[in-house]
C-alpha atoms as a PDB file:
ATOM      1  CA  MET A   1       0.000   0.000   0.000  1.00  0.00           C
ATOM      2  CA  THR A   2       1.268   3.499  -0.823  1.00  0.00           C
ATOM      3  CA  ASP A   3       0.303   7.046  -0.037  1.00  0.00           C
ATOM      4  CA  VAL A   4      -1.417   8.833  -2.899  1.00  0.00           C
ATOM      5  CA  LYS A   5       0.008  12.228  -3.795  1.00  0.00           C
ATOM      6  CA  GLY A   6      -1.362  14.973  -6.027  1.00  0.00           C
ATOM      7  CA  VAL A   7       0.749  17.182  -8.291  1.00  0.00           C
ATOM      8  CA  ASN A   8      -0.493  20.364 -10.003  1.00  0.00           C
ATOM      9  CA  CYS A   9       0.155  20.475 -13.744  1.00  0.00           C
ATOM     10  CA  ALA A  10       0.123  23.839 -15.514  1.00  0.00           C
ATOM     11  CA  PRO A  11      -1.430  24.575 -18.922  1.00  0.00           C
ATOM     12  CA  ASN A  12       0.744  24.305 -22.026  1.00  0.00           C
ATOM     13  CA  MET A  13       3.507  22.479 -20.140  1.00  0.00           C
ATOM     14  CA  VAL A  14       5.238  19.132 -19.862  1.00  0.00           C
ATOM     15  CA  THR A  15       5.264  18.166 -16.167  1.00  0.00           C
ATOM     16  CA  THR A  16       7.361  15.379 -14.712  1.00  0.00           C
ATOM     17  CA  VAL A  17       5.038  14.302 -11.921  1.00  0.00           C
ATOM     18  CA  PHE A  18       7.495  11.744 -10.526  1.00  0.00           C
ATOM     19  CA  TYR A  19      10.968  10.534 -11.489  1.00  0.00           C
ATOM     20  CA  GLY A  20      11.261   6.757 -11.185  1.00  0.00           C
ATOM     21  CA  ARG A  21       8.739   4.043 -10.406  1.00  0.00           C
ATOM     22  CA  THR A  22       5.207   5.055  -9.409  1.00  0.00           C
ATOM     23  CA  ARG A  23       1.593   4.271 -10.231  1.00  0.00           C
ATOM     24  CA  PHE A  24      -0.713   6.631 -12.106  1.00  0.00           C
ATOM     25  CA  LYS A  25      -3.949   6.638 -10.071  1.00  0.00           C
ATOM     26  CA  GLY A  26      -6.049   9.307 -11.732  1.00  0.00           C
ATOM     27  CA  ILE A  27      -6.449  12.920 -12.777  1.00  0.00           C
ATOM     28  CA  TRP A  28      -8.764  15.852 -12.109  1.00  0.00           C
ATOM     29  CA  TYR A  29      -8.889  18.430 -14.888  1.00  0.00           C
ATOM     30  CA  SER A  30     -10.593  21.680 -15.780  1.00  0.00           C
ATOM     31  CA  THR A  31     -10.633  22.996 -19.330  1.00  0.00           C
ATOM     32  CA  SER A  32     -12.070  26.100 -20.956  1.00  0.00           C
ATOM     33  CA  ALA A  33     -11.941  24.770 -24.538  1.00  0.00           C
ATOM     34  CA  PRO A  34     -11.451  21.493 -26.435  1.00  0.00           C
ATOM     35  CA  THR A  35      -8.084  20.037 -25.483  1.00  0.00           C
ATOM     36  CA  LYS A  36      -6.064  16.881 -24.894  1.00  0.00           C
ATOM     37  CA  ILE A  37      -4.108  15.394 -22.010  1.00  0.00           C
ATOM     38  CA  VAL A  38      -1.239  12.947 -22.600  1.00  0.00           C
ATOM     39  CA  ILE A  39       0.000  10.596 -19.852  1.00  0.00           C
ATOM     40  CA  LYS A  40       3.426   8.997 -20.397  1.00  0.00           C
ATOM     41  CA  ASP A  41       5.699   6.450 -18.733  1.00  0.00           C
ATOM     42  CA  GLY A  42       9.019   8.050 -19.642  1.00  0.00           C
ATOM     43  CA  SER A  43       8.895   8.276 -23.441  1.00  0.00           C
ATOM     44  CA  VAL A  44       6.030   5.763 -23.861  1.00  0.00           C
ATOM     45  CA  THR A  45       2.503   7.171 -24.208  1.00  0.00           C
ATOM     46  CA  LEU A  46       0.042   5.362 -21.945  1.00  0.00           C
ATOM     47  CA  PHE A  47      -3.088   7.452 -22.506  1.00  0.00           C
ATOM     48  CA  THR A  48      -4.259  10.342 -24.642  1.00  0.00           C
ATOM     49  CA  PHE A  49      -7.473  11.856 -23.324  1.00  0.00           C
ATOM     50  CA  VAL A  50      -9.319  14.065 -25.814  1.00  0.00           C
ATOM     51  CA  ILE A  51     -11.803  16.452 -24.186  1.00  0.00           C
ATOM     52  CA  THR A  52     -14.209  17.940 -26.734  1.00  0.00           C
ATOM     53  CA  THR A  53     -16.090  20.495 -24.614  1.00  0.00           C
ATOM     54  CA  PRO A  54     -15.222  22.863 -21.760  1.00  0.00           C
ATOM     55  CA  SER A  55     -15.580  20.866 -18.549  1.00  0.00           C
ATOM     56  CA  SER A  56     -14.161  19.772 -15.215  1.00  0.00           C
ATOM     57  CA  ASP A  57     -14.052  16.081 -14.348  1.00  0.00           C
ATOM     58  CA  ASN A  58     -12.126  13.185 -12.812  1.00  0.00           C
ATOM     59  CA  ILE A  59     -10.571  10.248 -14.626  1.00  0.00           C
ATOM     60  CA  LEU A  60      -9.989   7.448 -12.133  1.00  0.00           C
ATOM     61  CA  ILE A  61      -7.854   4.378 -12.825  1.00  0.00           C
ATOM     62  CA  PRO A  62      -9.284   1.224 -11.201  1.00  0.00           C
ATOM     63  CA  GLY A  63      -7.395  -1.171  -8.955  1.00  0.00           C
ATOM     64  CA  ASP A  64      -3.824  -0.208  -8.128  1.00  0.00           C
ATOM     65  CA  GLY A  65      -3.505   2.184 -11.079  1.00  0.00           C
ATOM     66  CA  VAL A  66      -1.098   1.904 -13.995  1.00  0.00           C
ATOM     67  CA  LEU A  67       2.571   1.205 -13.273  1.00  0.00           C
ATOM     68  CA  CYS A  68       5.013   3.789 -14.614  1.00  0.00           C
ATOM     69  CA  SER A  69       8.496   2.265 -14.416  1.00  0.00           C
ATOM     70  CA  SER A  70      10.448   5.156 -15.943  1.00  0.00           C
ATOM     71  CA  GLY A  71       8.593   8.141 -14.489  1.00  0.00           C
ATOM     72  CA  LEU A  72       5.165   9.732 -14.781  1.00  0.00           C
ATOM     73  CA  ILE A  73       4.997  12.609 -17.280  1.00  0.00           C
ATOM     74  CA  VAL A  74       1.935  14.695 -18.164  1.00  0.00           C
ATOM     75  CA  ILE A  75       1.577  16.922 -21.245  1.00  0.00           C
ATOM     76  CA  LEU A  76      -1.235  19.492 -21.222  1.00  0.00           C
ATOM     77  CA  ASP A  77      -2.534  21.735 -23.980  1.00  0.00           C
ATOM     78  CA  LYS A  78      -2.955  25.452 -23.318  1.00  0.00           C
ATOM     79  CA  HIS A  79      -6.610  25.379 -22.201  1.00  0.00           C
ATOM     80  CA  VAL A  80      -6.395  22.812 -19.385  1.00  0.00           C
ATOM     81  CA  PHE A  81      -5.224  22.708 -15.762  1.00  0.00           C
ATOM     82  CA  ALA A  82      -4.908  19.372 -13.952  1.00  0.00           C
ATOM     83  CA  VAL A  83      -4.028  17.639 -10.710  1.00  0.00           C
ATOM     84  CA  VAL A  84      -2.460  14.213 -11.281  1.00  0.00           C
ATOM     85  CA  PHE A  85      -2.617  11.548  -8.573  1.00  0.00           C
ATOM     86  CA  HIS A  86       0.086   8.907  -8.166  1.00  0.00           C
ATOM     87  CA  GLY A  87       1.543   6.620  -5.543  1.00  0.00           C
END
């Protein structure tokens, strides 16, 4: 069992949420326009979320989350702010 931590991710940025091994647990986002969110394990893309309308929502990963062996990286477009949860 691990503690879950949240990291703020700024719009139009690449954020290294965690260097090394961790589990992606979920994300809360708020967007003012259509946008996309990319979740990576190092250089490997795990998910690309395409949001088509302005909204705020959670994306929760079931079970223990998704293992990121090389580090958890988040890429946001310019219209979205997010908090990424890992542990």
